[in-house]
PDB file of N, CA and C in Angstrom:
ATOM      1  N   MET A   1     129.323  84.938  45.954  1.00  0.00           N
ATOM      2  CA  MET A   1     128.569  84.760  45.608  1.00  0.00           C
ATOM      3  C   MET A   1     127.213  85.920  46.295  1.00  0.00           C
ATOM      4  N   GLU A   2     126.499  86.052  45.116  1.00  0.00           N
ATOM      5  CA  GLU A   2     125.512  87.481  45.076  1.00  0.00           C
ATOM      6  C   GLU A   2     124.149  86.221  45.744  1.00  0.00           C
ATOM      7  N   ILE A   3     123.199  87.208  46.665  1.00  0.00           N
ATOM      8  CA  ILE A   3     122.069  86.669  47.171  1.00  0.00           C
ATOM      9  C   ILE A   3     121.319  87.949  46.467  1.00  0.00           C
ATOM     10  N   GLU A   4     120.539  87.703  45.930  1.00  0.00           N
ATOM     11  CA  GLU A   4     118.827  88.062  45.231  1.00  0.00           C
ATOM     12  C   GLU A   4     117.691  87.761  45.787  1.00  0.00           C
ATOM     13  N   PHE A   5     116.999  88.628  45.691  1.00  0.00           N
ATOM     14  CA  PHE A   5     115.395  88.866  46.675  1.00  0.00           C
ATOM     15  C   PHE A   5     114.935  89.016  46.102  1.00  0.00           C
ATOM     16  N   ASN A   6     113.477  88.525  45.859  1.00  0.00           N
ATOM     17  CA  ASN A   6     112.864  88.344  45.060  1.00  0.00           C
ATOM     18  C   ASN A   6     111.539  89.291  45.615  1.00  0.00           C
ATOM     19  N   SER A   7     111.529  89.599  46.893  1.00  0.00           N
ATOM     20  CA  SER A   7     110.348  90.376  47.675  1.00  0.00           C
ATOM     21  C   SER A   7     110.780  91.024  48.866  1.00  0.00           C
ATOM     22  N   LEU A   8     110.214  91.803  49.216  1.00  0.00           N
ATOM     23  CA  LEU A   8     110.521  92.560  50.718  1.00  0.00           C
ATOM     24  C   LEU A   8     110.632  90.993  51.947  1.00  0.00           C
ATOM     25  N   GLU A   9     109.974  90.326  51.665  1.00  0.00           N
ATOM     26  CA  GLU A   9     109.323  89.562  52.341  1.00  0.00           C
ATOM     27  C   GLU A   9     109.948  88.653  52.766  1.00  0.00           C
ATOM     28  N   GLU A  10     111.186  87.848  51.633  1.00  0.00           N
ATOM     29  CA  GLU A  10     112.006  86.955  51.356  1.00  0.00           C
ATOM     30  C   GLU A  10     113.584  88.132  52.322  1.00  0.00           C
ATOM     31  N   LEU A  11     113.843  89.065  51.621  1.00  0.00           N
ATOM     32  CA  LEU A  11     114.801  89.575  52.821  1.00  0.00           C
ATOM     33  C   LEU A  11     114.617  89.796  54.095  1.00  0.00           C
ATOM     34  N   TYR A  12     112.898  89.877  54.302  1.00  0.00           N
ATOM     35  CA  TYR A  12     112.298  90.477  55.935  1.00  0.00           C
ATOM     36  C   TYR A  12     113.145  89.006  56.522  1.00  0.00           C
ATOM     37  N   GLU A  13     112.389  87.500  55.833  1.00  0.00           N
ATOM     38  CA  GLU A  13     112.850  86.235  56.269  1.00  0.00           C
ATOM     39  C   GLU A  13     114.560  86.075  57.085  1.00  0.00           C
ATOM     40  N   ARG A  14     114.308  86.292  55.837  1.00  0.00           N
ATOM     41  CA  ARG A  14     116.649  86.510  55.637  1.00  0.00           C
ATOM     42  C   ARG A  14     117.270  86.853  56.841  1.00  0.00           C
ATOM     43  N   LEU A  15     116.870  88.455  57.271  1.00  0.00           N
ATOM     44  CA  LEU A  15     117.132  89.305  58.382  1.00  0.00           C
ATOM     45  C   LEU A  15     116.538  88.554  59.653  1.00  0.00           C
ATOM     46  N   LEU A  16     115.383  88.410  59.590  1.00  0.00           N
ATOM     47  CA  LEU A  16     114.860  87.827  60.823  1.00  0.00           C
ATOM     48  C   LEU A  16     115.668  86.997  62.727  1.00  0.00           C
ATOM     49  N   PRO A  17     116.448  86.213  61.865  1.00  0.00           N
ATOM     50  CA  PRO A  17     117.601  86.154  63.202  1.00  0.00           C
ATOM     51  C   PRO A  17     118.305  87.370  63.957  1.00  0.00           C
ATOM     52  N   ALA A  18     118.481  88.393  62.655  1.00  0.00           N
ATOM     53  CA  ALA A  18     119.738  89.625  63.118  1.00  0.00           C
ATOM     54  C   ALA A  18     118.660  90.396  64.284  1.00  0.00           C
ATOM     55  N   LEU A  19     116.969  90.830  63.303  1.00  0.00           N
ATOM     56  CA  LEU A  19     116.528  91.172  64.083  1.00  0.00           C
ATOM     57  C   LEU A  19     115.819  90.867  65.440  1.00  0.00           C
ATOM     58  N   ARG A  20     115.236  90.156  65.246  1.00  0.00           N
ATOM     59  CA  ARG A  20     115.586  89.069  66.476  1.00  0.00           C
ATOM     60  C   ARG A  20     116.811  89.312  67.460  1.00  0.00           C
ATOM     61  N   SER A  21     118.142  89.464  67.151  1.00  0.00           N
ATOM     62  CA  SER A  21     118.686  89.612  68.287  1.00  0.00           C
ATOM     63  C   SER A  21     118.757  90.759  68.627  1.00  0.00           C
ATOM     64  N   LYS A  22     118.378  91.261  67.686  1.00  0.00           N
ATOM     65  CA  LYS A  22     118.553  93.439  68.101  1.00  0.00           C
ATOM     66  C   LYS A  22     117.558  93.556  69.181  1.00  0.00           C
ATOM     67  N   VAL A  23     116.559  92.599  68.929  1.00  0.00           N
ATOM     68  CA  VAL A  23     114.942  93.361  69.419  1.00  0.00           C
ATOM     69  C   VAL A  23     115.391  92.617  71.004  1.00  0.00           C
ATOM     70  N   ALA A  24     116.395  91.668  71.877  1.00  0.00           N
ATOM     71  CA  ALA A  24     116.353  91.265  72.736  1.00  0.00           C
ATOM     72  C   ALA A  24     117.715  91.683  73.341  1.00  0.00           C
ATOM     73  N   ASP A  25     118.344  92.752  72.203  1.00  0.00           N
ATOM     74  CA  ASP A  25     119.185  93.495  73.086  1.00  0.00           C
ATOM     75  C   ASP A  25     118.524  94.352  73.391  1.00  0.00           C
ATOM     76  N   LEU A  26     117.485  95.140  72.683  1.00  0.00           N
ATOM     77  CA  LEU A  26     116.796  96.017  73.171  1.00  0.00           C
ATOM     78  C   LEU A  26     116.430  96.152  74.369  1.00  0.00           C
ATOM     79  N   LYS A  27     115.685  94.768  74.191  1.00  0.00           N
ATOM     80  CA  LYS A  27     115.370  94.641  75.818  1.00  0.00           C
ATOM     81  C   LYS A  27     116.332  94.775  76.767  1.00  0.00           C
ATOM     82  N   ARG A  28     117.004  94.084  76.770  1.00  0.00           N
ATOM     83  CA  ARG A  28     117.763  93.700  78.064  1.00  0.00           C
ATOM     84  C   ARG A  28     117.888  95.957  78.475  1.00  0.00           C
ATOM     85  N   ASP A  29     118.208  96.397  77.538  1.00  0.00           N
ATOM     86  CA  ASP A  29     118.307  97.807  77.193  1.00  0.00           C
ATOM     87  C   ASP A  29     117.119  98.526  78.021  1.00  0.00           C
ATOM     88  N   GLY A  30     116.161  97.854  78.013  1.00  0.00           N
ATOM     89  CA  GLY A  30     115.165  98.400  79.353  1.00  0.00           C
ATOM     90  C   GLY A  30     113.886  98.794  78.112  1.00  0.00           C
ATOM     91  N   TYR A  31     114.139  98.626  76.550  1.00  0.00           N
ATOM     92  CA  TYR A  31     112.924  98.920  75.865  1.00  0.00           C
ATOM     93  C   TYR A  31     111.922  97.641  75.112  1.00  0.00           C
ATOM     94  N   ASN A  32     111.665  97.500  76.068  1.00  0.00           N
ATOM     95  CA  ASN A  32     110.542  95.876  76.675  1.00  0.00           C
ATOM     96  C   ASN A  32     109.942  95.931  75.243  1.00  0.00           C
ATOM     97  N   TYR A  33     108.949  97.537  75.113  1.00  0.00           N
ATOM     98  CA  TYR A  33     107.827  97.163  74.113  1.00  0.00           C
ATOM     99  C   TYR A  33     108.158  97.603  72.734  1.00  0.00           C
ATOM    100  N   LEU A  34     109.466  97.759  72.611  1.00  0.00           N
ATOM    101  CA  LEU A  34     109.903  97.285  70.601  1.00  0.00           C
ATOM    102  C   LEU A  34     109.860  96.020  70.242  1.00  0.00           C
ATOM    103  N   THR A  35     109.231  95.715  69.050  1.00  0.00           N
ATOM    104  CA  THR A  35     109.143  94.427  68.351  1.00  0.00           C
ATOM    105  C   THR A  35     110.077  94.409  67.774  1.00  0.00           C
ATOM    106  N   VAL A  36     109.998  92.662  66.631  1.00  0.00           N
ATOM    107  CA  VAL A  36     110.661  93.332  65.061  1.00  0.00           C
ATOM    108  C   VAL A  36     110.187  93.656  63.886  1.00  0.00           C
ATOM    109  N   ASP A  37     109.135  93.985  64.373  1.00  0.00           N
ATOM    110  CA  ASP A  37     108.752  94.506  62.964  1.00  0.00           C
ATOM    111  C   ASP A  37     109.316  96.207  63.549  1.00  0.00           C
ATOM    112  N   ASP A  38     108.586  96.923  64.321  1.00  0.00           N
ATOM    113  CA  ASP A  38     109.726  98.234  64.921  1.00  0.00           C
ATOM    114  C   ASP A  38     111.196  98.208  64.416  1.00  0.00           C
ATOM    115  N   VAL A  39     111.864  97.603  64.309  1.00  0.00           N
ATOM    116  CA  VAL A  39     113.177  97.653  64.360  1.00  0.00           C
ATOM    117  C   VAL A  39     113.250  97.638  62.266  1.00  0.00           C
ATOM    118  N   TRP A  40     112.558  96.448  61.881  1.00  0.00           N
ATOM    119  CA  TRP A  40     112.726  96.445  60.581  1.00  0.00           C
ATOM    120  C   TRP A  40     112.271  97.867  60.076  1.00  0.00           C
ATOM    121  N   ASN A  41     110.986  98.190  60.644  1.00  0.00           N
ATOM    122  CA  ASN A  41     110.362  99.387  60.101  1.00  0.00           C
ATOM    123  C   ASN A  41     111.704 100.669  60.265  1.00  0.00           C
ATOM    124  N   TYR A  42     111.890 100.840  61.419  1.00  0.00           N
ATOM    125  CA  TYR A  42     112.950 101.527  61.388  1.00  0.00           C
ATOM    126  C   TYR A  42     114.457 101.852  60.059  1.00  0.00           C
ATOM    127  N   LEU A  43     114.546 100.288  59.452  1.00  0.00           N
ATOM    128  CA  LEU A  43     115.781 100.652  59.074  1.00  0.00           C
ATOM    129  C   LEU A  43     115.070 101.134  57.457  1.00  0.00           C
ATOM    130  N   LYS A  44     114.063 100.597  57.278  1.00  0.00           N
ATOM    131  CA  LYS A  44     112.667 100.298  56.128  1.00  0.00           C
ATOM    132  C   LYS A  44     113.082 101.617  56.215  1.00  0.00           C
ATOM    133  N   GLU A  45     112.509 102.289  56.711  1.00  0.00           N
ATOM    134  CA  GLU A  45     111.800 103.772  56.289  1.00  0.00           C
ATOM    135  C   GLU A  45     112.911 104.872  56.437  1.00  0.00           C
ATOM    136  N   SER A  46     113.902 104.496  57.266  1.00  0.00           N
ATOM    137  CA  SER A  46     114.422 105.804  57.604  1.00  0.00           C
ATOM    138  C   SER A  46     116.773 105.284  57.126  1.00  0.00           C
ATOM    139  N   LYS A  47     117.088 104.051  57.928  1.00  0.00           N
ATOM    140  CA  LYS A  47     118.402 104.085  57.224  1.00  0.00           C
ATOM    141  C   LYS A  47     118.588 103.748  55.853  1.00  0.00           C
ATOM    142  N   TRP A  48     117.547 102.509  55.209  1.00  0.00           N
ATOM    143  CA  TRP A  48     117.899 102.115  54.008  1.00  0.00           C
ATOM    144  C   TRP A  48     116.683 102.914  52.845  1.00  0.00           C
ATOM    145  N   LYS A  49     115.784 103.736  53.186  1.00  0.00           N
ATOM    146  CA  LYS A  49     114.923 104.265  52.292  1.00  0.00           C
ATOM    147  C   LYS A  49     115.965 104.753  51.092  1.00  0.00           C
ATOM    148  N   ASN A  50     117.012 105.415  50.792  1.00  0.00           N
ATOM    149  CA  ASN A  50     117.563 106.517  50.000  1.00  0.00           C
ATOM    150  C   ASN A  50     118.590 105.182  49.496  1.00  0.00           C
ATOM    151  N   SER A  51     118.591 104.301  49.916  1.00  0.00           N
ATOM    152  CA  SER A  51     119.615 103.356  49.729  1.00  0.00           C
ATOM    153  C   SER A  51     119.706 102.106  48.587  1.00  0.00           C
ATOM    154  N   SER A  52     120.352 101.415  47.699  1.00  0.00           N
ATOM    155  CA  SER A  52     119.913 100.876  46.560  1.00  0.00           C
ATOM    156  C   SER A  52     121.711  99.354  46.586  1.00  0.00           C
ATOM    157  N   ASN A  53     121.370  98.603  46.514  1.00  0.00           N
ATOM    158  CA  ASN A  53     122.124  97.490  46.173  1.00  0.00           C
ATOM    159  C   ASN A  53     123.310  97.262  47.666  1.00  0.00           C
ATOM    160  N   LEU A  54     122.460  97.283  48.755  1.00  0.00           N
ATOM    161  CA  LEU A  54     123.159  97.328  49.479  1.00  0.00           C
ATOM    162  C   LEU A  54     123.456  95.118  49.853  1.00  0.00           C
ATOM    163  N   ALA A  55     124.311  94.848  50.199  1.00  0.00           N
ATOM    164  CA  ALA A  55     124.912  93.714  50.527  1.00  0.00           C
ATOM    165  C   ALA A  55     124.158  93.226  51.898  1.00  0.00           C
ATOM    166  N   LEU A  56     123.791  92.170  51.804  1.00  0.00           N
ATOM    167  CA  LEU A  56     123.037  91.407  52.863  1.00  0.00           C
ATOM    168  C   LEU A  56     124.123  91.429  54.526  1.00  0.00           C
ATOM    169  N   HIS A  57     125.393  91.383  54.489  1.00  0.00           N
ATOM    170  CA  HIS A  57     126.272  91.596  55.215  1.00  0.00           C
ATOM    171  C   HIS A  57     126.094  93.338  55.645  1.00  0.00           C
ATOM    172  N   GLU A  58     126.237  94.278  54.906  1.00  0.00           N
ATOM    173  CA  GLU A  58     125.671  95.910  55.395  1.00  0.00           C
ATOM    174  C   GLU A  58     124.687  95.632  55.480  1.00  0.00           C
ATOM    175  N   MET A  59     123.332  94.873  55.798  1.00  0.00           N
ATOM    176  CA  MET A  59     122.210  95.095  56.188  1.00  0.00           C
ATOM    177  C   MET A  59     122.416  94.612  58.118  1.00  0.00           C
ATOM    178  N   VAL A  60     122.940  93.577  57.987  1.00  0.00           N
ATOM    179  CA  VAL A  60     123.262  93.202  58.968  1.00  0.00           C
ATOM    180  C   VAL A  60     124.047  93.806  60.506  1.00  0.00           C
ATOM    181  N   SER A  61     124.753  94.478  59.919  1.00  0.00           N
ATOM    182  CA  SER A  61     125.785  95.225  59.841  1.00  0.00           C
ATOM    183  C   SER A  61     124.859  96.346  60.901  1.00  0.00           C
ATOM    184  N   ASP A  62     123.905  96.917  59.809  1.00  0.00           N
ATOM    185  CA  ASP A  62     123.170  98.040  60.249  1.00  0.00           C
ATOM    186  C   ASP A  62     122.508  98.013  61.060  1.00  0.00           C
ATOM    187  N   ILE A  63     121.690  96.663  61.645  1.00  0.00           N
ATOM    188  CA  ILE A  63     120.487  95.926  62.652  1.00  0.00           C
ATOM    189  C   ILE A  63     121.165  95.996  63.442  1.00  0.00           C
ATOM    190  N   PHE A  64     122.726  95.834  63.870  1.00  0.00           N
ATOM    191  CA  PHE A  64     123.504  95.517  65.224  1.00  0.00           C
ATOM    192  C   PHE A  64     123.895  96.888  65.615  1.00  0.00           C
ATOM    193  N   ASN A  65     124.655  97.856  64.702  1.00  0.00           N
ATOM    194  CA  ASN A  65     125.071  98.808  64.862  1.00  0.00           C
ATOM    195  C   ASN A  65     123.896  99.590  65.569  1.00  0.00           C
ATOM    196  N   SER A  66     122.759  99.356  64.893  1.00  0.00           N
ATOM    197  CA  SER A  66     121.507 100.892  65.205  1.00  0.00           C
ATOM    198  C   SER A  66     121.654 100.965  66.241  1.00  0.00           C
ATOM    199  N   GLU A  67     121.118 102.714  67.039  1.00  0.00           N
ATOM    200  CA  GLU A  67     121.682 102.904  68.357  1.00  0.00           C
ATOM    201  C   GLU A  67     120.263 102.796  69.375  1.00  0.00           C
ATOM    202  N   ASN A  68     119.782 101.903  69.962  1.00  0.00           N
ATOM    203  CA  ASN A  68     118.871 101.844  70.685  1.00  0.00           C
ATOM    204  C   ASN A  68     117.835 102.855  70.705  1.00  0.00           C
ATOM    205  N   ALA A  69     118.797 104.154  71.341  1.00  0.00           N
ATOM    206  CA  ALA A  69     117.774 105.379  71.432  1.00  0.00           C
ATOM    207  C   ALA A  69     117.014 105.835  70.184  1.00  0.00           C
ATOM    208  N   VAL A  70     117.618 105.644  69.428  1.00  0.00           N
ATOM    209  CA  VAL A  70     117.730 106.369  68.091  1.00  0.00           C
ATOM    210  C   VAL A  70     116.487 105.522  67.504  1.00  0.00           C
ATOM    211  N   ILE A  71     116.375 104.021  67.588  1.00  0.00           N
ATOM    212  CA  ILE A  71     114.988 103.431  67.001  1.00  0.00           C
ATOM    213  C   ILE A  71     113.695 103.751  68.364  1.00  0.00           C
ATOM    214  N   ASP A  72     114.455 103.826  69.228  1.00  0.00           N
ATOM    215  CA  ASP A  72     112.563 104.391  70.168  1.00  0.00           C
ATOM    216  C   ASP A  72     112.821 105.636  69.787  1.00  0.00           C
ATOM    217  N   ASP A  73     113.193 106.783  69.582  1.00  0.00           N
ATOM    218  CA  ASP A  73     113.258 107.795  69.237  1.00  0.00           C
ATOM    219  C   ASP A  73     111.854 108.107  67.995  1.00  0.00           C
ATOM    220  N   TYR A  74     112.604 107.297  67.182  1.00  0.00           N
ATOM    221  CA  TYR A  74     112.219 106.736  65.542  1.00  0.00           C
ATOM    222  C   TYR A  74     110.467 106.452  66.228  1.00  0.00           C
ATOM    223  N   PHE A  75     110.571 105.259  67.098  1.00  0.00           N
ATOM    224  CA  PHE A  75     109.227 104.503  67.020  1.00  0.00           C
ATOM    225  C   PHE A  75     108.125 105.206  67.835  1.00  0.00           C
ATOM    226  N   LYS A  76     108.544 106.225  68.630  1.00  0.00           N
ATOM    227  CA  LYS A  76     107.777 107.311  69.331  1.00  0.00           C
ATOM    228  C   LYS A  76     107.343 108.158  68.566  1.00  0.00           C
ATOM    229  N   ASP A  77     107.956 108.650  67.702  1.00  0.00           N
ATOM    230  CA  ASP A  77     107.912 109.553  66.668  1.00  0.00           C
ATOM    231  C   ASP A  77     106.864 109.461  66.219  1.00  0.00           C
ATOM    232  N   LYS A  78     106.789 107.894  65.182  1.00  0.00           N
ATOM    233  CA  LYS A  78     105.614 107.598  64.528  1.00  0.00           C
ATOM    234  C   LYS A  78     104.254 107.406  65.601  1.00  0.00           C
ATOM    235  N   LEU A  79     104.233 107.450  67.108  1.00  0.00           N
ATOM    236  CA  LEU A  79     103.081 107.195  67.480  1.00  0.00           C
ATOM    237  C   LEU A  79     102.342 108.453  67.979  1.00  0.00           C
ATOM    238  N   LYS A  80     103.170 109.076  67.138  1.00  0.00           N
ATOM    239  CA  LYS A  80     102.455 110.258  67.909  1.00  0.00           C
ATOM    240  C   LYS A  80     101.523 111.482  66.876  1.00  0.00           C
ATOM    241  N   PRO A  81     100.860 112.060  67.382  1.00  0.00           N
ATOM    242  CA  PRO A  81      99.735 112.633  66.261  1.00  0.00           C
ATOM    243  C   PRO A  81     100.450 113.421  65.177  1.00  0.00           C
ATOM    244  N   LYS A  82     100.097 113.114  64.180  1.00  0.00           N
ATOM    245  CA  LYS A  82     100.648 114.310  63.057  1.00  0.00           C
ATOM    246  C   LYS A  82     100.392 116.040  63.229  1.00  0.00           C
ATOM    247  N   ARG A  83     100.595 117.082  63.276  1.00  0.00           N
ATOM    248  CA  ARG A  83     100.453 118.069  63.967  1.00  0.00           C
ATOM    249  C   ARG A  83     100.002 118.885  63.360  1.00  0.00           C
ATOM    250  N   ARG A  84      98.821 119.614  63.298  1.00  0.00           N
ATOM    251  CA  ARG A  84      98.574 120.488  61.543  1.00  0.00           C
ATOM    252  C   ARG A  84      98.506 121.979  62.269  1.00  0.00           C
ATOM    253  N   ARG A  85      99.368 122.737  61.116  1.00  0.00           N
ATOM    254  CA  ARG A  85      99.126 124.298  61.283  1.00  0.00           C
ATOM    255  C   ARG A  85      97.764 124.594  60.856  1.00  0.00           C
ATOM    256  N   VAL A  86      97.098 125.074  61.985  1.00  0.00           N
ATOM    257  CA  VAL A  86      95.771 126.217  61.689  1.00  0.00           C
ATOM    258  C   VAL A  86      95.727 127.306  61.488  1.00  0.00           C
ATOM    259  N   TYR A  87      95.444 127.816  60.697  1.00  0.00           N
ATOM    260  CA  TYR A  87      95.911 129.381  60.326  1.00  0.00           C
ATOM    261  C   TYR A  87      94.293 130.490  60.508  1.00  0.00           C
ATOM    262  N   PHE A  88      94.313 130.939  60.859  1.00  0.00           N
ATOM    263  CA  PHE A  88      93.342 132.033  61.400  1.00  0.00           C
ATOM    264  C   PHE A  88      93.364 133.236  60.990  1.00  0.00           C
ATOM    265  N   GLU A  89      92.535 133.509  59.969  1.00  0.00           N
ATOM    266  CA  GLU A  89      91.970 135.036  59.176  1.00  0.00           C
ATOM    267  C   GLU A  89      91.713 135.844  60.378  1.00  0.00           C
ATOM    268  N   ASP A  90      91.798 137.318  60.618  1.00  0.00           N
ATOM    269  CA  ASP A  90      91.226 138.331  61.400  1.00  0.00           C
ATOM    270  C   ASP A  90      89.901 138.696  60.898  1.00  0.00           C
TER     271      ASP A  90
END
């Protein structure tokens, strides 16, 4: 049976138990500041960005198998101010 979602919000709600479990895993490893939304955004913007027709079990597997340090790096990179190059003419 194939499950279809009508919105990103529906998908998020369906994945919420796995996302919460991942956050608990992150907290056990000392990443106390990371949230469900941080994990969701990492996966949505990095892991699944160029994917299509992912099965629900594949997405749950991605949640559980994402490396905690990689999620943390993504989160910290998002906090950095974007650097602009400024060129000066003599």
